[in-house]
């Protein structure tokens, strides 16, 4: 990561109060970026976002990405050059309990962020962070490839596959072939994550360590 690229650059993140969003905010702030975050309140207690006291070093807005009007205004007013979309309902078991919320956040929320991006004249790059669970589960030993079929048996995985299709649609329909649009769109698919300050439920490595410490 080249700090000179980020120094003084306006960056907006959705989901900045979560585990990955908090680390991303910290890295960008240390690189000298001017960071704005849009998210729900911290999802865990304790919270990495609160422990790092990030709200004192960045513009923070509490908002739900399912609210198109509000999210569009907040992103537009922040005038970002780079936008990272990290807000999501990220838990598989929770998606069984709350499928409507999961699809509303992960699919329609992503759509709202894409629409907000279209209205940002200064925006140069949009990165949508999803998951390797967007792929059809083949139950084999081989790693996933970007050409593998999208799918997902559970609501969470299915919603992320939908978000990937939506991202591809917007890239081809509005950004890729528009000579007047300076916006570059990319999708990043993360696997299981590990790091300090992760108090979320159903995290593989964190759950293993908790089980070990409590045994």
N, C-alpha and C. Protein backbone atom coordinates (compact mmCIF):
# COMPACT_ATOMS: atom_id res chain seq x y z
N UNK A 1 0.85 -1.19 0.00
CA UNK A 1 0.00 0.00 0.00
C UNK A 1 0.89 1.24 0.00
N UNK A 2 0.69 2.11 -0.95
CA UNK A 2 1.50 3.31 -1.12
C UNK A 2 0.84 4.48 -0.39
N UNK A 3 1.38 4.91 0.75
CA UNK A 3 0.76 6.02 1.49
C UNK A 3 0.65 7.30 0.68
N UNK A 4 1.57 7.51 -0.25
CA UNK A 4 1.54 8.74 -1.04
C UNK A 4 0.29 8.82 -1.91
N UNK A 5 -0.25 7.66 -2.31
CA UNK A 5 -1.48 7.65 -3.11
C UNK A 5 -2.67 8.11 -2.28
N UNK A 6 -2.69 7.71 -1.00
CA UNK A 6 -3.86 7.96 -0.16
C UNK A 6 -3.79 9.29 0.58
N UNK A 7 -2.63 9.87 0.71
CA UNK A 7 -2.47 11.08 1.51
C UNK A 7 -3.36 12.21 0.97
N UNK A 8 -4.27 12.70 1.80
CA UNK A 8 -5.16 13.79 1.43
C UNK A 8 -6.32 13.38 0.55
N UNK A 9 -6.42 12.10 0.20
CA UNK A 9 -7.49 11.65 -0.70
C UNK A 9 -8.77 11.39 0.10
N UNK A 10 -9.91 11.80 -0.47
CA UNK A 10 -11.20 11.59 0.19
C UNK A 10 -11.69 10.17 -0.08
N UNK A 11 -11.91 9.43 0.99
CA UNK A 11 -12.34 8.04 0.90
C UNK A 11 -13.57 7.84 1.78
N UNK A 12 -14.58 7.18 1.23
CA UNK A 12 -15.79 6.87 2.00
C UNK A 12 -15.93 5.36 2.11
N UNK A 13 -16.29 4.88 3.29
CA UNK A 13 -16.53 3.47 3.54
C UNK A 13 -17.95 3.28 4.04
N UNK A 14 -18.63 2.26 3.54
CA UNK A 14 -19.83 1.79 4.22
C UNK A 14 -19.40 0.65 5.13
N UNK A 15 -20.08 0.53 6.26
CA UNK A 15 -19.72 -0.55 7.18
C UNK A 15 -18.46 -0.28 7.98
N UNK A 16 -18.15 0.98 8.24
CA UNK A 16 -16.89 1.30 8.91
C UNK A 16 -16.87 0.92 10.39
N UNK A 17 -18.02 0.62 10.98
CA UNK A 17 -18.06 0.27 12.40
C UNK A 17 -17.85 -1.22 12.65
N UNK A 18 -17.81 -2.02 11.59
CA UNK A 18 -17.60 -3.45 11.73
C UNK A 18 -16.13 -3.80 11.89
N UNK A 19 -15.84 -5.09 11.97
CA UNK A 19 -14.47 -5.56 12.19
C UNK A 19 -13.55 -5.17 11.03
N UNK A 20 -13.90 -5.58 9.83
CA UNK A 20 -13.06 -5.24 8.67
C UNK A 20 -13.09 -3.75 8.38
N UNK A 21 -14.26 -3.14 8.54
CA UNK A 21 -14.36 -1.71 8.28
C UNK A 21 -13.52 -0.88 9.24
N UNK A 22 -13.42 -1.32 10.49
CA UNK A 22 -12.60 -0.60 11.46
C UNK A 22 -11.13 -0.67 11.10
N UNK A 23 -10.67 -1.86 10.72
CA UNK A 23 -9.27 -1.99 10.31
C UNK A 23 -8.99 -1.19 9.05
N UNK A 24 -9.91 -1.22 8.11
CA UNK A 24 -9.73 -0.45 6.88
C UNK A 24 -9.66 1.05 7.18
N UNK A 25 -10.53 1.51 8.07
CA UNK A 25 -10.51 2.92 8.45
C UNK A 25 -9.18 3.30 9.08
N UNK A 26 -8.68 2.46 9.98
CA UNK A 26 -7.41 2.74 10.65
C UNK A 26 -6.26 2.81 9.65
N UNK A 27 -6.20 1.86 8.74
CA UNK A 27 -5.12 1.84 7.74
C UNK A 27 -5.18 3.09 6.86
N UNK A 28 -6.37 3.45 6.42
CA UNK A 28 -6.51 4.63 5.56
C UNK A 28 -6.15 5.91 6.31
N UNK A 29 -6.57 6.00 7.55
CA UNK A 29 -6.23 7.19 8.35
C UNK A 29 -4.73 7.31 8.54
N UNK A 30 -4.07 6.21 8.81
CA UNK A 30 -2.62 6.24 9.00
C UNK A 30 -1.89 6.56 7.70
N UNK A 31 -2.53 6.27 6.57
CA UNK A 31 -1.93 6.62 5.29
C UNK A 31 -2.20 8.07 4.91
N UNK A 32 -2.98 8.78 5.72
CA UNK A 32 -3.22 10.19 5.47
C UNK A 32 -4.48 10.51 4.72
N UNK A 33 -5.36 9.52 4.52
CA UNK A 33 -6.61 9.77 3.80
C UNK A 33 -7.61 10.53 4.67
N UNK A 34 -8.52 11.24 4.00
CA UNK A 34 -9.63 11.90 4.68
C UNK A 34 -10.83 10.96 4.60
N UNK A 35 -11.15 10.32 5.70
CA UNK A 35 -12.07 9.19 5.70
C UNK A 35 -13.44 9.59 6.23
N UNK A 36 -14.47 9.15 5.51
CA UNK A 36 -15.86 9.28 5.95
C UNK A 36 -16.46 7.89 6.03
N UNK A 37 -17.18 7.61 7.11
CA UNK A 37 -17.81 6.31 7.28
C UNK A 37 -19.32 6.43 7.36
N UNK A 38 -20.00 5.45 6.77
CA UNK A 38 -21.46 5.37 6.82
C UNK A 38 -21.82 3.95 7.24
N UNK A 39 -22.50 3.80 8.37
CA UNK A 39 -22.78 2.46 8.87
C UNK A 39 -23.82 2.50 9.97
N UNK A 40 -24.28 1.32 10.37
CA UNK A 40 -25.08 1.18 11.57
C UNK A 40 -24.15 1.30 12.78
N UNK A 41 -24.71 1.41 14.00
CA UNK A 41 -23.85 1.44 15.19
C UNK A 41 -23.00 0.18 15.27
N UNK A 42 -21.89 0.21 16.02
CA UNK A 42 -21.02 -0.97 16.14
C UNK A 42 -21.83 -2.22 16.47
N UNK A 43 -21.59 -3.32 15.75
CA UNK A 43 -22.42 -4.51 15.90
C UNK A 43 -22.06 -5.40 17.08
N UNK A 44 -20.92 -5.17 17.73
CA UNK A 44 -20.50 -6.01 18.85
C UNK A 44 -20.08 -5.15 20.04
N UNK A 45 -20.12 -5.77 21.20
CA UNK A 45 -19.62 -5.13 22.43
C UNK A 45 -18.80 -6.18 23.19
N UNK A 46 -17.50 -5.95 23.33
CA UNK A 46 -16.75 -4.75 22.93
C UNK A 46 -16.69 -4.58 21.42
N UNK A 47 -16.23 -3.41 21.01
CA UNK A 47 -16.18 -3.05 19.59
C UNK A 47 -14.79 -2.52 19.24
N UNK A 48 -14.21 -3.05 18.18
CA UNK A 48 -12.91 -2.57 17.73
C UNK A 48 -12.99 -1.09 17.35
N UNK A 49 -14.08 -0.69 16.72
CA UNK A 49 -14.26 0.70 16.32
C UNK A 49 -14.18 1.63 17.52
N UNK A 50 -14.83 1.24 18.61
CA UNK A 50 -14.83 2.08 19.81
C UNK A 50 -13.49 2.01 20.54
N UNK A 51 -12.88 0.85 20.58
CA UNK A 51 -11.58 0.72 21.25
C UNK A 51 -10.52 1.58 20.58
N UNK A 52 -10.55 1.62 19.24
CA UNK A 52 -9.59 2.43 18.49
C UNK A 52 -9.95 3.91 18.50
N UNK A 53 -11.17 4.23 19.00
CA UNK A 53 -11.63 5.62 19.08
C UNK A 53 -11.55 6.32 17.71
N UNK A 54 -12.00 5.62 16.69
CA UNK A 54 -11.86 6.12 15.32
C UNK A 54 -12.74 7.33 15.04
N UNK A 55 -13.83 7.46 15.78
CA UNK A 55 -14.76 8.56 15.49
C UNK A 55 -14.12 9.93 15.65
N UNK A 56 -13.03 10.01 16.40
CA UNK A 56 -12.37 11.31 16.60
C UNK A 56 -11.50 11.71 15.42
N UNK A 57 -11.21 10.76 14.53
CA UNK A 57 -10.28 11.03 13.43
C UNK A 57 -10.94 11.00 12.05
N UNK A 58 -12.25 10.75 12.00
CA UNK A 58 -12.94 10.65 10.72
C UNK A 58 -14.37 11.15 10.85
N UNK A 59 -15.00 11.41 9.73
CA UNK A 59 -16.41 11.78 9.71
C UNK A 59 -17.24 10.50 9.78
N UNK A 60 -18.08 10.39 10.79
CA UNK A 60 -18.88 9.18 10.99
C UNK A 60 -20.37 9.50 10.91
N UNK A 61 -21.09 8.70 10.15
CA UNK A 61 -22.53 8.88 10.01
C UNK A 61 -23.21 7.54 10.28
N UNK A 62 -24.22 7.56 11.13
CA UNK A 62 -25.01 6.36 11.40
C UNK A 62 -26.19 6.34 10.44
N UNK A 63 -26.22 5.32 9.59
CA UNK A 63 -27.28 5.22 8.58
C UNK A 63 -27.39 3.78 8.12
N UNK A 64 -28.56 3.44 7.60
CA UNK A 64 -28.85 2.11 7.08
C UNK A 64 -28.78 2.17 5.56
N UNK A 65 -28.00 1.30 4.94
CA UNK A 65 -27.86 1.34 3.48
C UNK A 65 -29.15 0.93 2.77
N UNK A 66 -30.13 0.43 3.51
CA UNK A 66 -31.43 0.14 2.90
C UNK A 66 -32.25 1.41 2.68
N UNK A 67 -31.80 2.53 3.24
CA UNK A 67 -32.46 3.83 3.07
C UNK A 67 -31.79 4.55 1.90
N UNK A 68 -32.36 4.43 0.71
CA UNK A 68 -31.74 4.96 -0.50
C UNK A 68 -31.52 6.46 -0.42
N UNK A 69 -32.54 7.20 0.00
CA UNK A 69 -32.43 8.66 0.03
C UNK A 69 -31.32 9.12 0.97
N UNK A 70 -31.29 8.55 2.16
CA UNK A 70 -30.30 8.98 3.15
C UNK A 70 -28.89 8.58 2.74
N UNK A 71 -28.73 7.33 2.28
CA UNK A 71 -27.39 6.86 1.92
C UNK A 71 -26.86 7.63 0.72
N UNK A 72 -27.74 7.96 -0.21
CA UNK A 72 -27.31 8.72 -1.39
C UNK A 72 -26.81 10.10 -1.00
N UNK A 73 -27.54 10.75 -0.10
CA UNK A 73 -27.14 12.10 0.32
C UNK A 73 -25.81 12.08 1.07
N UNK A 74 -25.65 11.12 1.98
CA UNK A 74 -24.42 11.06 2.76
C UNK A 74 -23.20 10.79 1.89
N UNK A 75 -23.34 9.87 0.96
CA UNK A 75 -22.21 9.56 0.07
C UNK A 75 -21.94 10.73 -0.86
N UNK A 76 -22.99 11.32 -1.39
CA UNK A 76 -22.80 12.47 -2.30
C UNK A 76 -22.14 13.64 -1.57
N UNK A 77 -22.59 13.93 -0.35
CA UNK A 77 -22.05 15.06 0.40
C UNK A 77 -20.59 14.85 0.81
N UNK A 78 -20.17 13.59 0.95
CA UNK A 78 -18.79 13.33 1.34
C UNK A 78 -17.80 13.50 0.19
N UNK A 79 -18.31 13.59 -1.05
CA UNK A 79 -17.51 13.84 -2.24
C UNK A 79 -16.29 12.92 -2.34
N UNK A 80 -16.50 11.61 -2.27
CA UNK A 80 -15.35 10.70 -2.26
C UNK A 80 -14.70 10.55 -3.63
N UNK A 81 -13.41 10.28 -3.60
CA UNK A 81 -12.70 9.86 -4.81
C UNK A 81 -12.66 8.34 -4.89
N UNK A 82 -12.67 7.69 -3.73
CA UNK A 82 -12.69 6.23 -3.63
C UNK A 82 -13.77 5.83 -2.65
N UNK A 83 -14.55 4.81 -3.02
CA UNK A 83 -15.64 4.32 -2.17
C UNK A 83 -15.48 2.82 -1.96
N UNK A 84 -15.38 2.41 -0.70
CA UNK A 84 -15.34 0.99 -0.35
C UNK A 84 -16.70 0.60 0.23
N UNK A 85 -17.34 -0.39 -0.40
CA UNK A 85 -18.63 -0.86 0.11
C UNK A 85 -18.40 -2.13 0.92
N UNK A 86 -18.49 -2.00 2.26
CA UNK A 86 -18.24 -3.12 3.15
C UNK A 86 -19.44 -3.44 4.04
N UNK A 87 -20.46 -2.61 4.03
CA UNK A 87 -21.63 -2.84 4.88
C UNK A 87 -22.37 -4.09 4.42
N UNK A 88 -22.77 -4.92 5.38
CA UNK A 88 -23.45 -6.16 5.03
C UNK A 88 -24.06 -6.79 6.28
N UNK A 89 -24.98 -7.71 6.06
CA UNK A 89 -25.36 -8.67 7.09
C UNK A 89 -24.45 -9.87 6.83
N UNK A 90 -23.42 -10.10 7.67
CA UNK A 90 -22.33 -11.00 7.29
C UNK A 90 -22.40 -12.43 7.84
N UNK A 91 -23.47 -12.81 8.51
CA UNK A 91 -23.48 -14.07 9.23
C UNK A 91 -24.45 -15.07 8.61
N UNK A 92 -23.96 -16.29 8.40
CA UNK A 92 -24.76 -17.33 7.76
C UNK A 92 -25.95 -17.71 8.63
N UNK A 93 -25.71 -18.02 9.89
CA UNK A 93 -26.82 -18.47 10.75
C UNK A 93 -27.86 -17.37 10.94
N UNK A 94 -27.40 -16.12 11.02
CA UNK A 94 -28.35 -15.01 11.14
C UNK A 94 -29.21 -14.89 9.89
N UNK A 95 -28.67 -15.28 8.75
CA UNK A 95 -29.44 -15.18 7.50
C UNK A 95 -30.61 -16.15 7.48
N UNK A 96 -30.49 -17.28 8.19
CA UNK A 96 -31.63 -18.20 8.31
C UNK A 96 -32.72 -17.60 9.20
N UNK A 97 -32.30 -16.90 10.24
CA UNK A 97 -33.28 -16.28 11.15
C UNK A 97 -33.93 -15.05 10.53
N UNK A 98 -33.15 -14.30 9.74
CA UNK A 98 -33.63 -13.03 9.20
C UNK A 98 -33.31 -12.93 7.70
N UNK A 99 -33.95 -13.75 6.88
CA UNK A 99 -33.64 -13.72 5.44
C UNK A 99 -34.02 -12.41 4.76
N UNK A 100 -35.13 -11.80 5.18
CA UNK A 100 -35.56 -10.55 4.54
C UNK A 100 -34.55 -9.45 4.81
N UNK A 101 -34.10 -9.34 6.05
CA UNK A 101 -33.08 -8.34 6.39
C UNK A 101 -31.78 -8.62 5.63
N UNK A 102 -31.43 -9.90 5.51
CA UNK A 102 -30.19 -10.26 4.81
C UNK A 102 -30.23 -9.85 3.35
N UNK A 103 -31.30 -10.19 2.65
CA UNK A 103 -31.41 -9.80 1.24
C UNK A 103 -31.57 -8.28 1.11
N UNK A 104 -32.32 -7.68 2.02
CA UNK A 104 -32.50 -6.23 1.96
C UNK A 104 -31.19 -5.48 2.09
N UNK A 105 -30.34 -5.94 3.00
CA UNK A 105 -29.05 -5.28 3.22
C UNK A 105 -28.05 -5.63 2.13
N UNK A 106 -27.88 -6.92 1.87
CA UNK A 106 -26.80 -7.36 0.98
C UNK A 106 -27.10 -7.16 -0.50
N UNK A 107 -28.37 -7.16 -0.87
CA UNK A 107 -28.72 -6.96 -2.28
C UNK A 107 -29.21 -5.53 -2.52
N UNK A 108 -30.32 -5.15 -1.89
CA UNK A 108 -30.84 -3.81 -2.12
C UNK A 108 -29.91 -2.74 -1.57
N UNK A 109 -29.24 -3.03 -0.45
CA UNK A 109 -28.26 -2.07 0.06
C UNK A 109 -27.13 -1.84 -0.92
N UNK A 110 -26.66 -2.92 -1.54
CA UNK A 110 -25.62 -2.79 -2.56
C UNK A 110 -26.12 -1.99 -3.75
N UNK A 111 -27.36 -2.24 -4.15
CA UNK A 111 -27.96 -1.47 -5.24
C UNK A 111 -27.99 0.02 -4.90
N UNK A 112 -28.35 0.35 -3.68
CA UNK A 112 -28.41 1.75 -3.27
C UNK A 112 -27.03 2.40 -3.31
N UNK A 113 -26.00 1.67 -2.90
CA UNK A 113 -24.64 2.21 -2.96
C UNK A 113 -24.22 2.44 -4.41
N UNK A 114 -24.57 1.51 -5.29
CA UNK A 114 -24.24 1.68 -6.71
C UNK A 114 -24.94 2.91 -7.29
N UNK A 115 -26.20 3.09 -6.92
CA UNK A 115 -26.94 4.26 -7.41
C UNK A 115 -26.34 5.55 -6.86
N UNK A 116 -25.95 5.52 -5.59
CA UNK A 116 -25.32 6.70 -5.00
C UNK A 116 -24.01 7.02 -5.71
N UNK A 117 -23.28 5.98 -6.08
CA UNK A 117 -22.00 6.18 -6.77
C UNK A 117 -22.19 6.86 -8.12
N UNK A 118 -23.27 6.53 -8.79
CA UNK A 118 -23.53 7.13 -10.10
C UNK A 118 -23.72 8.64 -10.02
N UNK A 119 -24.13 9.11 -8.84
CA UNK A 119 -24.40 10.55 -8.67
C UNK A 119 -23.23 11.31 -8.08
N UNK A 120 -22.06 10.66 -7.97
CA UNK A 120 -20.88 11.31 -7.38
C UNK A 120 -19.91 11.70 -8.49
N UNK A 121 -19.85 12.96 -8.86
CA UNK A 121 -19.00 13.38 -9.98
C UNK A 121 -17.51 13.24 -9.71
N UNK A 122 -17.10 13.24 -8.44
CA UNK A 122 -15.67 13.18 -8.12
C UNK A 122 -15.19 11.75 -7.91
N UNK A 123 -16.10 10.78 -7.89
CA UNK A 123 -15.74 9.40 -7.60
C UNK A 123 -14.97 8.77 -8.75
N UNK A 124 -13.81 8.19 -8.43
CA UNK A 124 -12.96 7.56 -9.44
C UNK A 124 -12.97 6.04 -9.36
N UNK A 125 -13.19 5.49 -8.15
CA UNK A 125 -13.13 4.04 -7.98
C UNK A 125 -14.11 3.58 -6.91
N UNK A 126 -14.79 2.48 -7.20
CA UNK A 126 -15.71 1.85 -6.26
C UNK A 126 -15.31 0.39 -6.10
N UNK A 127 -15.07 -0.03 -4.86
CA UNK A 127 -14.69 -1.41 -4.57
C UNK A 127 -15.77 -2.05 -3.71
N UNK A 128 -16.37 -3.12 -4.23
CA UNK A 128 -17.41 -3.85 -3.51
C UNK A 128 -16.77 -5.08 -2.87
N UNK A 129 -16.74 -5.14 -1.54
CA UNK A 129 -16.13 -6.26 -0.84
C UNK A 129 -17.21 -7.28 -0.52
N UNK A 130 -17.08 -8.48 -1.09
CA UNK A 130 -18.07 -9.53 -0.83
C UNK A 130 -17.38 -10.73 -0.18
N UNK A 131 -17.62 -11.94 -0.66
CA UNK A 131 -17.14 -13.13 0.03
C UNK A 131 -16.99 -14.29 -0.94
N UNK A 132 -16.12 -15.24 -0.59
CA UNK A 132 -15.99 -16.44 -1.43
C UNK A 132 -17.20 -17.36 -1.29
N UNK A 133 -18.09 -17.07 -0.36
CA UNK A 133 -19.31 -17.86 -0.23
C UNK A 133 -20.31 -17.55 -1.34
N UNK A 134 -19.99 -16.60 -2.19
CA UNK A 134 -20.88 -16.30 -3.31
C UNK A 134 -20.85 -17.41 -4.36
N UNK A 135 -19.85 -18.29 -4.29
CA UNK A 135 -19.74 -19.37 -5.27
C UNK A 135 -20.64 -20.54 -4.90
N UNK A 136 -21.07 -21.27 -5.94
CA UNK A 136 -21.81 -22.50 -5.71
C UNK A 136 -20.94 -23.48 -4.93
N UNK A 137 -21.48 -24.04 -3.87
CA UNK A 137 -20.70 -24.94 -3.01
C UNK A 137 -20.61 -26.32 -3.67
N UNK A 138 -19.42 -26.65 -4.17
CA UNK A 138 -19.23 -27.92 -4.87
C UNK A 138 -18.75 -29.04 -3.96
N UNK A 139 -18.40 -28.72 -2.71
CA UNK A 139 -17.94 -29.72 -1.75
C UNK A 139 -16.74 -30.51 -2.28
N UNK A 140 -15.76 -29.80 -2.85
CA UNK A 140 -14.56 -30.46 -3.32
C UNK A 140 -13.33 -29.77 -2.72
N UNK A 141 -12.15 -30.35 -2.97
CA UNK A 141 -10.93 -29.87 -2.32
C UNK A 141 -10.28 -28.72 -3.06
N UNK A 142 -10.73 -28.43 -4.28
CA UNK A 142 -10.08 -27.41 -5.08
C UNK A 142 -10.48 -26.01 -4.64
N UNK A 143 -9.57 -25.06 -4.75
CA UNK A 143 -9.93 -23.67 -4.44
C UNK A 143 -10.86 -23.10 -5.49
N UNK A 144 -11.60 -22.06 -5.12
CA UNK A 144 -12.50 -21.41 -6.07
C UNK A 144 -11.72 -20.59 -7.08
N UNK A 145 -12.29 -20.47 -8.27
CA UNK A 145 -11.75 -19.61 -9.32
C UNK A 145 -12.81 -18.58 -9.68
N UNK A 146 -12.37 -17.47 -10.23
CA UNK A 146 -13.32 -16.40 -10.55
C UNK A 146 -14.32 -16.82 -11.62
N UNK A 147 -13.99 -17.86 -12.37
CA UNK A 147 -14.89 -18.34 -13.42
C UNK A 147 -15.88 -19.38 -12.91
N UNK A 148 -15.77 -19.79 -11.64
CA UNK A 148 -16.71 -20.77 -11.09
C UNK A 148 -18.12 -20.18 -11.00
N UNK A 149 -19.11 -21.07 -11.00
CA UNK A 149 -20.50 -20.65 -10.95
C UNK A 149 -20.82 -19.98 -9.61
N UNK A 150 -21.61 -18.93 -9.69
CA UNK A 150 -22.13 -18.31 -8.47
C UNK A 150 -23.32 -19.12 -7.97
N UNK A 151 -23.56 -19.05 -6.68
CA UNK A 151 -24.69 -19.79 -6.13
C UNK A 151 -24.83 -19.52 -4.65
N UNK A 152 -25.02 -20.57 -3.88
CA UNK A 152 -25.16 -20.41 -2.43
C UNK A 152 -26.45 -21.05 -1.96
N UNK A 153 -26.34 -21.98 -1.02
CA UNK A 153 -27.51 -22.70 -0.54
C UNK A 153 -28.23 -21.95 0.58
N UNK A 154 -27.50 -21.17 1.34
CA UNK A 154 -28.10 -20.43 2.45
C UNK A 154 -28.41 -19.00 2.02
N UNK A 155 -29.29 -18.30 2.74
CA UNK A 155 -29.66 -16.93 2.33
C UNK A 155 -28.47 -15.98 2.25
N UNK A 156 -27.51 -16.10 3.19
CA UNK A 156 -26.35 -15.20 3.14
C UNK A 156 -25.56 -15.39 1.86
N UNK A 157 -25.17 -16.64 1.56
CA UNK A 157 -24.37 -16.90 0.37
C UNK A 157 -25.11 -16.51 -0.89
N UNK A 158 -26.40 -16.83 -0.93
CA UNK A 158 -27.22 -16.47 -2.09
C UNK A 158 -27.28 -14.97 -2.27
N UNK A 159 -27.43 -14.24 -1.16
CA UNK A 159 -27.51 -12.78 -1.26
C UNK A 159 -26.21 -12.18 -1.79
N UNK A 160 -25.08 -12.78 -1.42
CA UNK A 160 -23.79 -12.28 -1.90
C UNK A 160 -23.59 -12.62 -3.37
N UNK A 161 -24.11 -13.76 -3.81
CA UNK A 161 -24.07 -14.07 -5.24
C UNK A 161 -24.90 -13.06 -6.02
N UNK A 162 -26.06 -12.69 -5.47
CA UNK A 162 -26.89 -11.66 -6.10
C UNK A 162 -26.14 -10.33 -6.17
N UNK A 163 -25.42 -9.99 -5.11
CA UNK A 163 -24.66 -8.74 -5.08
C UNK A 163 -23.56 -8.75 -6.14
N UNK A 164 -22.96 -9.91 -6.38
CA UNK A 164 -21.94 -10.02 -7.41
C UNK A 164 -22.54 -9.82 -8.80
N UNK A 165 -23.70 -10.41 -9.04
CA UNK A 165 -24.39 -10.24 -10.33
C UNK A 165 -24.76 -8.77 -10.52
N UNK A 166 -25.23 -8.14 -9.46
CA UNK A 166 -25.57 -6.72 -9.51
C UNK A 166 -24.35 -5.87 -9.84
N UNK A 167 -23.22 -6.18 -9.22
CA UNK A 167 -21.98 -5.44 -9.47
C UNK A 167 -21.57 -5.56 -10.93
N UNK A 168 -21.62 -6.78 -11.45
CA UNK A 168 -21.27 -7.00 -12.85
C UNK A 168 -22.21 -6.25 -13.78
N UNK A 169 -23.50 -6.24 -13.43
CA UNK A 169 -24.49 -5.53 -14.24
C UNK A 169 -24.18 -4.04 -14.30
N UNK A 170 -23.90 -3.43 -13.16
CA UNK A 170 -23.62 -2.00 -13.14
C UNK A 170 -22.32 -1.67 -13.85
N UNK A 171 -21.35 -2.54 -13.73
CA UNK A 171 -20.10 -2.31 -14.45
C UNK A 171 -20.34 -2.27 -15.95
N UNK A 172 -21.09 -3.23 -16.46
CA UNK A 172 -21.32 -3.32 -17.90
C UNK A 172 -22.35 -2.31 -18.39
N UNK A 173 -23.35 -2.03 -17.57
CA UNK A 173 -24.45 -1.17 -18.01
C UNK A 173 -24.16 0.32 -17.88
N UNK A 174 -23.41 0.70 -16.85
CA UNK A 174 -23.28 2.12 -16.55
C UNK A 174 -21.85 2.65 -16.53
N UNK A 175 -20.87 1.80 -16.27
CA UNK A 175 -19.51 2.31 -16.07
C UNK A 175 -18.53 1.89 -17.16
N UNK A 176 -18.56 0.63 -17.55
CA UNK A 176 -17.54 0.10 -18.46
C UNK A 176 -17.55 0.76 -19.82
N UNK A 177 -18.72 0.96 -20.37
CA UNK A 177 -18.83 1.47 -21.74
C UNK A 177 -19.22 2.94 -21.82
N UNK A 178 -19.14 3.62 -20.70
CA UNK A 178 -19.50 5.04 -20.67
C UNK A 178 -18.23 5.88 -20.75
N UNK A 179 -17.98 6.47 -21.91
CA UNK A 179 -16.76 7.26 -22.09
C UNK A 179 -16.73 8.48 -21.18
N UNK A 180 -17.91 8.93 -20.75
CA UNK A 180 -17.97 10.11 -19.90
C UNK A 180 -17.78 9.77 -18.42
N UNK A 181 -17.86 8.49 -18.08
CA UNK A 181 -17.75 8.08 -16.68
C UNK A 181 -16.32 7.74 -16.34
N UNK A 182 -15.74 8.41 -15.34
CA UNK A 182 -14.37 8.10 -14.92
C UNK A 182 -14.32 7.00 -13.87
N UNK A 183 -15.48 6.39 -13.56
CA UNK A 183 -15.56 5.47 -12.43
C UNK A 183 -15.09 4.06 -12.81
N UNK A 184 -14.20 3.51 -12.00
CA UNK A 184 -13.74 2.13 -12.15
C UNK A 184 -14.35 1.31 -11.02
N UNK A 185 -14.95 0.17 -11.37
CA UNK A 185 -15.66 -0.67 -10.41
C UNK A 185 -14.98 -2.02 -10.31
N UNK A 186 -14.77 -2.49 -9.07
CA UNK A 186 -14.14 -3.79 -8.85
C UNK A 186 -14.84 -4.51 -7.71
N UNK A 187 -14.75 -5.84 -7.73
CA UNK A 187 -15.31 -6.68 -6.68
C UNK A 187 -14.18 -7.49 -6.04
N UNK A 188 -14.19 -7.56 -4.72
CA UNK A 188 -13.17 -8.30 -3.97
C UNK A 188 -13.87 -9.33 -3.11
N UNK A 189 -13.47 -10.61 -3.24
CA UNK A 189 -14.15 -11.70 -2.54
C UNK A 189 -13.25 -12.25 -1.43
N UNK A 190 -13.59 -11.94 -0.20
CA UNK A 190 -12.77 -12.35 0.94
C UNK A 190 -13.18 -13.72 1.45
N UNK A 191 -12.20 -14.48 1.95
CA UNK A 191 -12.47 -15.74 2.62
C UNK A 191 -12.63 -15.50 4.12
N UNK A 192 -12.39 -16.54 4.92
CA UNK A 192 -12.44 -16.36 6.37
C UNK A 192 -11.38 -15.35 6.80
N UNK A 193 -11.77 -14.43 7.65
CA UNK A 193 -10.86 -13.37 8.08
C UNK A 193 -10.37 -13.64 9.50
N UNK A 194 -9.19 -13.12 9.80
CA UNK A 194 -8.62 -13.27 11.13
C UNK A 194 -7.91 -11.97 11.49
N UNK A 195 -8.04 -11.57 12.73
CA UNK A 195 -7.37 -10.35 13.16
C UNK A 195 -7.79 -9.96 14.56
N UNK A 196 -7.04 -9.08 15.15
CA UNK A 196 -7.36 -8.61 16.49
C UNK A 196 -8.64 -7.81 16.52
N UNK A 197 -9.37 -7.92 17.61
CA UNK A 197 -10.58 -7.13 17.79
C UNK A 197 -11.81 -7.69 17.12
N UNK A 198 -11.82 -9.00 16.82
CA UNK A 198 -12.98 -9.61 16.17
C UNK A 198 -13.83 -10.30 17.22
N UNK A 199 -14.93 -9.65 17.61
CA UNK A 199 -15.83 -10.22 18.61
C UNK A 199 -17.15 -10.69 17.99
N UNK A 200 -17.21 -10.80 16.68
CA UNK A 200 -18.44 -11.25 16.03
C UNK A 200 -18.66 -12.74 16.28
N UNK A 201 -19.90 -13.15 16.25
CA UNK A 201 -20.21 -14.56 16.41
C UNK A 201 -19.94 -15.30 15.10
N UNK A 202 -19.76 -16.61 15.22
CA UNK A 202 -19.61 -17.49 14.06
C UNK A 202 -18.39 -17.15 13.20
N UNK A 203 -17.29 -16.74 13.82
CA UNK A 203 -16.03 -16.56 13.11
C UNK A 203 -15.17 -17.79 13.40
N UNK A 204 -14.70 -18.46 12.37
CA UNK A 204 -14.04 -19.75 12.52
C UNK A 204 -12.87 -19.69 13.50
N UNK A 205 -11.88 -18.85 13.22
CA UNK A 205 -10.68 -18.81 14.05
C UNK A 205 -10.99 -18.26 15.44
N UNK A 206 -11.79 -17.20 15.50
CA UNK A 206 -12.14 -16.62 16.79
C UNK A 206 -12.91 -17.62 17.66
N UNK A 207 -13.82 -18.38 17.05
CA UNK A 207 -14.58 -19.37 17.81
C UNK A 207 -13.68 -20.49 18.31
N UNK A 208 -12.70 -20.90 17.50
CA UNK A 208 -11.75 -21.93 17.93
C UNK A 208 -10.97 -21.46 19.16
N UNK A 209 -10.51 -20.21 19.12
CA UNK A 209 -9.74 -19.68 20.24
C UNK A 209 -10.61 -19.53 21.48
N UNK A 210 -11.85 -19.09 21.31
CA UNK A 210 -12.74 -18.97 22.47
C UNK A 210 -13.01 -20.34 23.09
N UNK A 211 -13.21 -21.33 22.23
CA UNK A 211 -13.45 -22.68 22.73
C UNK A 211 -12.23 -23.21 23.48
N UNK A 212 -11.04 -22.92 22.95
CA UNK A 212 -9.80 -23.36 23.59
C UNK A 212 -9.64 -22.69 24.96
N UNK A 213 -9.90 -21.39 25.02
CA UNK A 213 -9.72 -20.65 26.27
C UNK A 213 -10.74 -21.05 27.32
N UNK A 214 -11.93 -21.47 26.86
CA UNK A 214 -13.00 -21.81 27.80
C UNK A 214 -13.01 -23.28 28.19
N UNK A 215 -12.12 -24.07 27.58
CA UNK A 215 -12.12 -25.51 27.86
C UNK A 215 -11.29 -25.84 29.10
